[in-house]
Amino acid sequence: MKIEKFVLGSMGTNCYLIINEETKELVIVDPATCPDYVVSHVKSHGYIPKAIFLTPADFDHVMVIDGWGKDVGIPRYLHEDEKKILEDPELNLSGVFGASYSYGDVKCLKDGQEMDIAGFTFHIIHTPGHTCGGCCYYCEAEEVLISGDTLFYQSVGRSDFPTGSMGTLVRSIKEKLFCLPDDVMVYPGHNDATCIGDEKKYNPFV
């Protein structure tokens, strides 16, 4: 597994390309924008997008899911409880920032579900708190966790957005993420990567 990060959009959202170097298949995580240089990068390397993963459905994570996936049929995935946020500009906060985004045509995931995509197996971990349907994607074989806006480097996601709750967020992290092995690398929705062991020791919010 190769992971490439692009910091995109006005909120500095981490968009990840999760790449199978043998097959060139990839998963796109949280496509905040769709700049030409990222599209050119994907095409020039011959990468084959197989899926789009959404962690939360906040506007800054989903603004161009249609740009990446609609025309060429790349399936888009998110947790089932987050679908209402994706469809509602007030809940995904896009209306607050000058534009209204509402998306449908997504495939809904359940907590504990496993997905085999691009040669990897991802475990779906529902981690409400930042939003009601936020989720993480865990690849046990590669010791990789895509944590979205749940867990950051020595921080956690905001809980003052619609459907958010700090108490629920902290429980999600303690009960569902801190049980993972310490060596698991964490790739968050904003800022730098970290690992589970360091966050258990040094994160002042949990």
C-alpha atoms as a PDB file:
ATOM      1  CA  MET A   1       0.000   0.000   0.000  1.00  0.00           C
ATOM      2  CA  LYS A   2       1.178   3.455  -0.955  1.00  0.00           C
ATOM      3  CA  ILE A   3      -0.572   6.518   0.451  1.00  0.00           C
ATOM      4  CA  GLU A   4      -0.262   9.945  -1.131  1.00  0.00           C
ATOM      5  CA  LYS A   5      -1.655  13.051   0.528  1.00  0.00           C
ATOM      6  CA  PHE A   6      -2.899  16.238  -1.127  1.00  0.00           C
ATOM      7  CA  VAL A   7      -3.972  19.152   1.057  1.00  0.00           C
ATOM      8  CA  LEU A   8      -6.925  20.672  -0.785  1.00  0.00           C
ATOM      9  CA  GLY A   9      -9.605  23.314  -0.440  1.00  0.00           C
ATOM     10  CA  SER A  10     -10.111  26.335   1.748  1.00  0.00           C
ATOM     11  CA  MET A  11     -10.081  24.257   4.946  1.00  0.00           C
ATOM     12  CA  GLY A  12      -6.866  22.391   4.192  1.00  0.00           C
ATOM     13  CA  THR A  13      -8.530  18.998   3.934  1.00  0.00           C
ATOM     14  CA  ASN A  14      -6.333  15.943   3.512  1.00  0.00           C
ATOM     15  CA  CYS A  15      -7.318  14.054   0.384  1.00  0.00           C
ATOM     16  CA  TYR A  16      -5.606  10.666   0.230  1.00  0.00           C
ATOM     17  CA  LEU A  17      -4.861   8.362  -2.652  1.00  0.00           C
ATOM     18  CA  ILE A  18      -4.565   4.795  -1.378  1.00  0.00           C
ATOM     19  CA  ILE A  19      -2.690   2.972  -4.085  1.00  0.00           C
ATOM     20  CA  ASN A  20      -2.059  -0.669  -4.873  1.00  0.00           C
ATOM     21  CA  GLU A  21       1.315  -0.406  -6.582  1.00  0.00           C
ATOM     22  CA  GLU A  22       0.995  -3.827  -8.201  1.00  0.00           C
ATOM     23  CA  THR A  23      -2.361  -3.283  -9.895  1.00  0.00           C
ATOM     24  CA  LYS A  24      -2.375   0.566 -10.042  1.00  0.00           C
ATOM     25  CA  GLU A  25      -5.854   0.518  -8.518  1.00  0.00           C
ATOM     26  CA  LEU A  26      -6.606   3.229  -5.998  1.00  0.00           C
ATOM     27  CA  VAL A  27      -9.126   4.521  -3.512  1.00  0.00           C
ATOM     28  CA  ILE A  28      -9.728   8.271  -3.211  1.00  0.00           C
ATOM     29  CA  VAL A  29     -10.491   9.507   0.304  1.00  0.00           C
ATOM     30  CA  ASP A  30     -12.334  12.794   0.963  1.00  0.00           C
ATOM     31  CA  PRO A  31     -12.032  14.663  -2.369  1.00  0.00           C
ATOM     32  CA  ALA A  32     -12.216  18.247  -1.140  1.00  0.00           C
ATOM     33  CA  THR A  33     -11.474  19.716  -4.567  1.00  0.00           C
ATOM     34  CA  CYS A  34     -10.433  18.358  -7.929  1.00  0.00           C
ATOM     35  CA  PRO A  35      -7.470  20.427  -9.159  1.00  0.00           C
ATOM     36  CA  ASP A  36      -5.938  19.699 -12.535  1.00  0.00           C
ATOM     37  CA  TYR A  37      -2.582  18.747 -11.032  1.00  0.00           C
ATOM     38  CA  VAL A  38      -4.134  15.936  -8.992  1.00  0.00           C
ATOM     39  CA  VAL A  39      -6.115  14.633 -11.961  1.00  0.00           C
ATOM     40  CA  SER A  40      -2.978  14.798 -14.109  1.00  0.00           C
ATOM     41  CA  HIS A  41      -1.013  12.969 -11.428  1.00  0.00           C
ATOM     42  CA  VAL A  42      -3.535  10.135 -11.356  1.00  0.00           C
ATOM     43  CA  LYS A  43      -3.656   9.862 -15.134  1.00  0.00           C
ATOM     44  CA  SER A  44       0.080  10.142 -15.715  1.00  0.00           C
ATOM     45  CA  HIS A  45       0.769   7.255 -13.333  1.00  0.00           C
ATOM     46  CA  GLY A  46      -1.936   5.117 -14.875  1.00  0.00           C
ATOM     47  CA  TYR A  47      -3.843   4.806 -11.615  1.00  0.00           C
ATOM     48  CA  ILE A  48      -7.317   3.294 -11.775  1.00  0.00           C
ATOM     49  CA  PRO A  49      -9.810   4.785  -9.289  1.00  0.00           C
ATOM     50  CA  LYS A  50     -12.025   2.071  -7.844  1.00  0.00           C
ATOM     51  CA  ALA A  51     -13.860   3.888  -5.052  1.00  0.00           C
ATOM     52  CA  ILE A  52     -14.317   7.142  -3.165  1.00  0.00           C
ATOM     53  CA  PHE A  53     -14.403   6.901   0.627  1.00  0.00           C
ATOM     54  CA  LEU A  54     -16.017   9.680   2.646  1.00  0.00           C
ATOM     55  CA  THR A  55     -15.223   9.964   6.351  1.00  0.00           C
ATOM     56  CA  PRO A  56     -17.612  12.748   7.370  1.00  0.00           C
ATOM     57  CA  ALA A  57     -19.915  14.442   4.884  1.00  0.00           C
ATOM     58  CA  ASP A  58     -18.847  17.972   5.840  1.00  0.00           C
ATOM     59  CA  PHE A  59     -18.722  20.211   2.788  1.00  0.00           C
ATOM     60  CA  ASP A  60     -14.932  20.488   2.908  1.00  0.00           C
ATOM     61  CA  HIS A  61     -14.574  16.722   2.472  1.00  0.00           C
ATOM     62  CA  VAL A  62     -17.095  16.126  -0.295  1.00  0.00           C
ATOM     63  CA  MET A  63     -17.205  19.142  -2.593  1.00  0.00           C
ATOM     64  CA  VAL A  64     -16.116  17.342  -5.743  1.00  0.00           C
ATOM     65  CA  ILE A  65     -17.247  13.774  -5.308  1.00  0.00           C
ATOM     66  CA  ASP A  66     -19.260  14.268  -8.495  1.00  0.00           C
ATOM     67  CA  GLY A  67     -16.183  15.601 -10.267  1.00  0.00           C
ATOM     68  CA  TRP A  68     -14.266  12.444  -9.468  1.00  0.00           C
ATOM     69  CA  GLY A  69     -16.929   9.839  -9.695  1.00  0.00           C
ATOM     70  CA  LYS A  70     -20.239  10.624 -11.339  1.00  0.00           C
ATOM     71  CA  ASP A  71     -19.305  10.608 -14.997  1.00  0.00           C
ATOM     72  CA  VAL A  72     -17.126   7.510 -14.905  1.00  0.00           C
ATOM     73  CA  GLY A  73     -19.133   5.535 -12.396  1.00  0.00           C
ATOM     74  CA  ILE A  74     -16.713   5.410  -9.458  1.00  0.00           C
ATOM     75  CA  PRO A  75     -18.799   4.295  -6.468  1.00  0.00           C
ATOM     76  CA  ARG A  76     -18.907   6.604  -3.447  1.00  0.00           C
ATOM     77  CA  TYR A  77     -19.170   5.199   0.077  1.00  0.00           C
ATOM     78  CA  LEU A  78     -20.054   6.600   3.513  1.00  0.00           C
ATOM     79  CA  HIS A  79     -21.637   5.376   6.725  1.00  0.00           C
ATOM     80  CA  GLU A  80     -25.398   4.989   6.558  1.00  0.00           C
ATOM     81  CA  ASP A  81     -26.027   7.551   9.326  1.00  0.00           C
ATOM     82  CA  GLU A  82     -24.119  10.208   7.382  1.00  0.00           C
ATOM     83  CA  LYS A  83     -26.274  10.089   4.266  1.00  0.00           C
ATOM     84  CA  LYS A  84     -28.717  12.683   5.599  1.00  0.00           C
ATOM     85  CA  ILE A  85     -25.822  15.096   6.137  1.00  0.00           C
ATOM     86  CA  LEU A  86     -24.548  14.601   2.610  1.00  0.00           C
ATOM     87  CA  GLU A  87     -27.993  15.424   1.260  1.00  0.00           C
ATOM     88  CA  ASP A  88     -28.677  18.502   3.411  1.00  0.00           C
ATOM     89  CA  PRO A  89     -26.755  21.779   2.819  1.00  0.00           C
ATOM     90  CA  GLU A  90     -27.630  22.972   6.304  1.00  0.00           C
ATOM     91  CA  LEU A  91     -26.241  19.858   7.967  1.00  0.00           C
ATOM     92  CA  ASN A  92     -23.103  19.646   5.817  1.00  0.00           C
ATOM     93  CA  LEU A  93     -22.563  23.399   6.332  1.00  0.00           C
ATOM     94  CA  SER A  94     -22.025  24.172   2.660  1.00  0.00           C
ATOM     95  CA  GLY A  95     -24.741  26.836   2.769  1.00  0.00           C
ATOM     96  CA  VAL A  96     -22.910  28.687   5.525  1.00  0.00           C
ATOM     97  CA  PHE A  97     -19.841  29.091   3.309  1.00  0.00           C
ATOM     98  CA  GLY A  98     -21.533  30.538   0.240  1.00  0.00           C
ATOM     99  CA  ALA A  99     -22.645  27.508  -1.744  1.00  0.00           C
ATOM    100  CA  SER A 100     -25.157  24.729  -1.226  1.00  0.00           C
ATOM    101  CA  TYR A 101     -24.026  21.173  -1.890  1.00  0.00           C
ATOM    102  CA  SER A 102     -26.353  18.225  -1.825  1.00  0.00           C
ATOM    103  CA  TYR A 103     -25.339  14.811  -3.081  1.00  0.00           C
ATOM    104  CA  GLY A 104     -27.070  11.503  -3.511  1.00  0.00           C
ATOM    105  CA  ASP A 105     -26.181   8.286  -5.308  1.00  0.00           C
ATOM    106  CA  VAL A 106     -23.894   6.910  -2.610  1.00  0.00           C
ATOM    107  CA  LYS A 107     -23.475   3.440  -1.192  1.00  0.00           C
ATOM    108  CA  CYS A 108     -24.120   3.215   2.537  1.00  0.00           C
ATOM    109  CA  LEU A 109     -21.909   1.275   4.909  1.00  0.00           C
ATOM    110  CA  LYS A 110     -22.571  -0.314   8.292  1.00  0.00           C
ATOM    111  CA  ASP A 111     -20.407  -0.462  11.374  1.00  0.00           C
ATOM    112  CA  GLY A 112     -18.265  -3.597  11.323  1.00  0.00           C
ATOM    113  CA  GLN A 113     -18.679  -4.149   7.610  1.00  0.00           C
ATOM    114  CA  GLU A 114     -15.678  -5.298   5.582  1.00  0.00           C
ATOM    115  CA  MET A 115     -14.945  -4.117   2.059  1.00  0.00           C
ATOM    116  CA  ASP A 116     -12.491  -5.620  -0.427  1.00  0.00           C
ATOM    117  CA  ILE A 117     -11.423  -2.854  -2.800  1.00  0.00           C
ATOM    118  CA  ALA A 118      -8.252  -2.280  -4.840  1.00  0.00           C
ATOM    119  CA  GLY A 119      -6.700  -5.417  -3.374  1.00  0.00           C
ATOM    120  CA  PHE A 120      -7.135  -4.315   0.251  1.00  0.00           C
ATOM    121  CA  THR A 121      -9.611  -5.221   2.972  1.00  0.00           C
ATOM    122  CA  PHE A 122     -11.028  -2.268   4.873  1.00  0.00           C
ATOM    123  CA  HIS A 123     -12.974  -2.541   8.121  1.00  0.00           C
ATOM    124  CA  ILE A 124     -15.651   0.110   8.641  1.00  0.00           C
ATOM    125  CA  ILE A 125     -15.567   1.655  12.114  1.00  0.00           C
ATOM    126  CA  HIS A 126     -18.486   3.942  12.930  1.00  0.00           C
ATOM    127  CA  THR A 127     -17.108   6.780  15.098  1.00  0.00           C
ATOM    128  CA  PRO A 128     -19.894   9.279  15.784  1.00  0.00           C
ATOM    129  CA  GLY A 129     -19.179  12.488  17.639  1.00  0.00           C
ATOM    130  CA  HIS A 130     -17.846  14.907  15.067  1.00  0.00           C
ATOM    131  CA  THR A 131     -20.992  14.053  13.133  1.00  0.00           C
ATOM    132  CA  CYS A 132     -23.539  11.330  13.740  1.00  0.00           C
ATOM    133  CA  GLY A 133     -22.280   9.147  10.903  1.00  0.00           C
ATOM    134  CA  GLY A 134     -18.565   9.819  10.800  1.00  0.00           C
ATOM    135  CA  CYS A 135     -16.533   6.701  10.169  1.00  0.00           C
ATOM    136  CA  CYS A 136     -12.973   5.449   9.906  1.00  0.00           C
ATOM    137  CA  TYR A 137     -11.524   2.957   7.442  1.00  0.00           C
ATOM    138  CA  TYR A 138      -9.097   0.440   8.930  1.00  0.00           C
ATOM    139  CA  CYS A 139      -6.811  -1.814   6.897  1.00  0.00           C
ATOM    140  CA  GLU A 140      -5.509  -4.308   9.434  1.00  0.00           C
ATOM    141  CA  ALA A 141      -3.035  -5.987   7.079  1.00  0.00           C
ATOM    142  CA  GLU A 142      -1.308  -2.663   6.357  1.00  0.00           C
ATOM    143  CA  GLU A 143      -1.721  -1.235   9.889  1.00  0.00           C
ATOM    144  CA  VAL A 144      -3.421   1.878   8.485  1.00  0.00           C
ATOM    145  CA  LEU A 145      -6.381   3.827   9.820  1.00  0.00           C
ATOM    146  CA  ILE A 146      -8.056   6.617   7.862  1.00  0.00           C
ATOM    147  CA  SER A 147      -9.571   8.621  10.712  1.00  0.00           C
ATOM    148  CA  GLY A 148     -11.294  11.548   8.991  1.00  0.00           C
ATOM    149  CA  ASP A 149     -12.327  14.231  11.487  1.00  0.00           C
ATOM    150  CA  THR A 150     -12.517  11.830  14.422  1.00  0.00           C
ATOM    151  CA  LEU A 151      -8.900  11.628  15.597  1.00  0.00           C
ATOM    152  CA  PHE A 152      -6.114  14.106  14.786  1.00  0.00           C
ATOM    153  CA  TYR A 153      -2.481  14.445  15.783  1.00  0.00           C
ATOM    154  CA  GLN A 154      -2.774  15.272  19.513  1.00  0.00           C
ATOM    155  CA  SER A 155      -6.296  16.548  18.950  1.00  0.00           C
ATOM    156  CA  VAL A 156      -9.807  15.490  17.981  1.00  0.00           C
ATOM    157  CA  GLY A 157     -12.434  16.696  15.564  1.00  0.00           C
ATOM    158  CA  ARG A 158     -14.827  19.513  16.314  1.00  0.00           C
ATOM    159  CA  SER A 159     -18.058  18.553  18.005  1.00  0.00           C
ATOM    160  CA  ASP A 160     -19.994  21.821  17.617  1.00  0.00           C
ATOM    161  CA  PHE A 161     -21.258  21.041  14.120  1.00  0.00           C
ATOM    162  CA  PRO A 162     -24.808  19.727  13.541  1.00  0.00           C
ATOM    163  CA  THR A 163     -25.252  16.220  15.002  1.00  0.00           C
ATOM    164  CA  GLY A 164     -21.935  16.477  16.882  1.00  0.00           C
ATOM    165  CA  SER A 165     -21.239  15.580  20.525  1.00  0.00           C
ATOM    166  CA  MET A 166     -17.917  15.779  22.377  1.00  0.00           C
ATOM    167  CA  GLY A 167     -18.895  13.041  24.824  1.00  0.00           C
ATOM    168  CA  THR A 168     -19.812  10.728  21.973  1.00  0.00           C
ATOM    169  CA  LEU A 169     -16.619  11.597  20.095  1.00  0.00           C
ATOM    170  CA  VAL A 170     -14.384  10.792  23.061  1.00  0.00           C
ATOM    171  CA  ARG A 171     -16.189   7.482  23.617  1.00  0.00           C
ATOM    172  CA  SER A 172     -15.780   6.581  19.953  1.00  0.00           C
ATOM    173  CA  ILE A 173     -12.039   7.163  20.144  1.00  0.00           C
ATOM    174  CA  LYS A 174     -11.517   5.363  23.438  1.00  0.00           C
ATOM    175  CA  GLU A 175     -13.744   2.389  22.716  1.00  0.00           C
ATOM    176  CA  LYS A 176     -13.242   1.879  18.982  1.00  0.00           C
ATOM    177  CA  LEU A 177      -9.830   3.317  18.034  1.00  0.00           C
ATOM    178  CA  PHE A 178      -7.650   3.021  21.128  1.00  0.00           C
ATOM    179  CA  CYS A 179      -8.242  -0.731  21.111  1.00  0.00           C
ATOM    180  CA  LEU A 180      -6.273  -0.970  17.851  1.00  0.00           C
ATOM    181  CA  PRO A 181      -2.553  -1.887  17.963  1.00  0.00           C
ATOM    182  CA  ASP A 182      -0.214   0.937  18.985  1.00  0.00           C
ATOM    183  CA  ASP A 183       1.728   0.719  15.709  1.00  0.00           C
ATOM    184  CA  VAL A 184      -1.293   1.507  13.523  1.00  0.00           C
ATOM    185  CA  MET A 185      -0.636   4.661  11.516  1.00  0.00           C
ATOM    186  CA  VAL A 186      -3.428   7.232  11.615  1.00  0.00           C
ATOM    187  CA  TYR A 187      -4.138   9.395   8.582  1.00  0.00           C
ATOM    188  CA  PRO A 188      -6.499  12.191   9.668  1.00  0.00           C
ATOM    189  CA  GLY A 189      -8.715  14.568   7.737  1.00  0.00           C
ATOM    190  CA  HIS A 190      -6.510  17.540   8.606  1.00  0.00           C
ATOM    191  CA  ASN A 191      -2.897  18.106   9.656  1.00  0.00           C
ATOM    192  CA  ASP A 192      -0.196  15.484  10.164  1.00  0.00           C
ATOM    193  CA  ALA A 193      -0.260  11.714  10.437  1.00  0.00           C
ATOM    194  CA  THR A 194       0.237  10.049  13.797  1.00  0.00           C
ATOM    195  CA  CYS A 195      -0.089   6.595  15.362  1.00  0.00           C
ATOM    196  CA  ILE A 196      -2.460   5.021  17.857  1.00  0.00           C
ATOM    197  CA  GLY A 197       0.217   4.503  20.520  1.00  0.00           C
ATOM    198  CA  ASP A 198       1.259   8.156  20.511  1.00  0.00           C
ATOM    199  CA  GLU A 199      -2.317   9.373  20.716  1.00  0.00           C
ATOM    200  CA  LYS A 200      -3.031   7.125  23.683  1.00  0.00           C
ATOM    201  CA  LYS A 201      -0.062   8.679  25.470  1.00  0.00           C
ATOM    202  CA  TYR A 202      -0.135  12.305  24.390  1.00  0.00           C
ATOM    203  CA  ASN A 203      -3.590  13.334  23.193  1.00  0.00           C
ATOM    204  CA  PRO A 204      -4.890  15.778  25.826  1.00  0.00           C
ATOM    205  CA  PHE A 205      -8.521  15.569  24.645  1.00  0.00           C
ATOM    206  CA  VAL A 206      -9.035  11.855  25.271  1.00  0.00           C
END
